[in-house]
Amino acid sequence: MPALTIRNIPDDIHRGLKALAAKHGRSAEAEVRELIASAVFPSERQRLGSALGDIWGGVRLTEVEARVIDRARDRVPAKPMSLGE
């Protein structure tokens, strides 16, 4: 597993980190891992589908546009992939 060294942490931040770790009942190192994980993978992060829905959710096609898209669709099934045969 990779390791990370962080240098030159100000004293007040180091004290605060130790206090936060003690509050959560874990080591300072475990607290840092949790803080990094929370920053990298926030629980409220928006997923791609939700983002696209927010962007395009209000877009509505007219009947003419829908017919143009429908006529342009390729209706021929894709050829199955060969696995070395």
Protein backbone atom coordinates (compact mmCIF):
# COMPACT_ATOMS: atom_id res chain seq x y z
CA MET A 1 0.00 0.00 0.00
CA PRO A 2 1.43 3.44 -0.88
CA ALA A 3 2.68 5.76 1.86
CA LEU A 4 2.50 9.54 2.01
CA THR A 5 4.72 11.90 3.99
CA ILE A 6 3.48 15.41 4.74
CA ARG A 7 6.09 17.92 5.85
CA ASN A 8 5.87 21.33 7.47
CA ILE A 9 2.45 21.02 9.07
CA PRO A 10 1.87 24.08 11.28
CA ASP A 11 1.77 23.32 15.01
CA ASP A 12 -1.81 24.52 15.46
CA ILE A 13 -3.04 22.24 12.67
CA HIS A 14 -1.14 19.28 14.13
CA ARG A 15 -2.68 19.92 17.56
CA GLY A 16 -6.12 20.24 16.03
CA LEU A 17 -5.65 17.01 14.11
CA LYS A 18 -4.63 15.15 17.26
CA ALA A 19 -7.65 16.59 19.11
CA LEU A 20 -9.97 15.58 16.29
CA ALA A 21 -8.48 12.07 16.23
CA ALA A 22 -8.93 11.74 20.01
CA LYS A 23 -12.54 12.90 19.68
CA HIS A 24 -13.17 10.12 17.14
CA GLY A 25 -11.21 7.54 19.12
CA ARG A 26 -8.51 6.89 16.55
CA SER A 27 -4.88 7.68 15.89
CA ALA A 28 -3.80 10.84 14.10
CA GLU A 29 -2.74 8.68 11.16
CA ALA A 30 -6.16 7.01 10.97
CA GLU A 31 -7.81 10.41 11.23
CA VAL A 32 -5.75 11.71 8.30
CA ARG A 33 -6.72 8.64 6.23
CA GLU A 34 -10.38 9.30 7.01
CA LEU A 35 -10.10 13.01 6.16
CA ILE A 36 -8.40 12.23 2.85
CA ALA A 37 -11.00 9.58 1.98
CA SER A 38 -13.81 12.04 2.79
CA ALA A 39 -12.24 14.69 0.56
CA VAL A 40 -11.60 12.32 -2.34
CA PHE A 41 -14.92 10.44 -2.13
CA PRO A 42 -17.46 12.83 -0.56
CA SER A 43 -20.80 11.21 0.25
CA GLU A 44 -22.71 14.02 -1.44
CA ARG A 45 -20.76 13.91 -4.69
CA GLN A 46 -22.87 14.08 -7.78
CA ARG A 47 -22.92 11.06 -10.05
CA LEU A 48 -22.57 11.35 -13.81
CA GLY A 49 -26.18 10.43 -14.56
CA SER A 50 -27.46 13.03 -12.11
CA ALA A 51 -25.17 15.69 -13.57
CA LEU A 52 -26.36 14.92 -17.11
CA GLY A 53 -29.95 14.97 -15.92
CA ASP A 54 -29.40 18.39 -14.37
CA ILE A 55 -27.88 19.69 -17.59
CA TRP A 56 -30.30 18.16 -20.10
CA GLY A 57 -33.35 17.40 -17.96
CA GLY A 58 -35.32 20.38 -19.21
CA VAL A 59 -34.60 19.77 -22.90
CA ARG A 60 -37.59 18.50 -24.84
CA LEU A 61 -37.61 17.43 -28.47
CA THR A 62 -40.32 18.48 -30.87
CA GLU A 63 -42.15 15.76 -32.79
CA VAL A 64 -40.21 16.71 -35.93
CA GLU A 65 -36.86 16.42 -34.12
CA ALA A 66 -37.83 13.07 -32.63
CA ARG A 67 -38.79 11.72 -36.08
CA VAL A 68 -35.48 12.93 -37.59
CA ILE A 69 -33.50 11.18 -34.84
CA ASP A 70 -35.61 8.04 -35.17
CA ARG A 71 -35.04 7.88 -38.95
CA ALA A 72 -31.28 8.39 -38.48
CA ARG A 73 -30.93 5.50 -36.02
CA ASP A 74 -29.00 2.47 -37.21
CA ARG A 75 -31.41 -0.44 -36.87
CA VAL A 76 -28.95 -3.14 -37.99
CA PRO A 77 -27.80 -5.20 -35.03
CA ALA A 78 -24.10 -5.00 -34.27
CA LYS A 79 -21.98 -7.97 -35.33
CA PRO A 80 -20.99 -10.00 -32.25
CA MET A 81 -17.36 -9.73 -31.26
CA SER A 82 -15.13 -12.66 -32.16
CA LEU A 83 -12.96 -14.07 -29.41
CA GLY A 84 -10.21 -15.46 -31.60
CA GLU A 85 -12.14 -17.99 -33.62
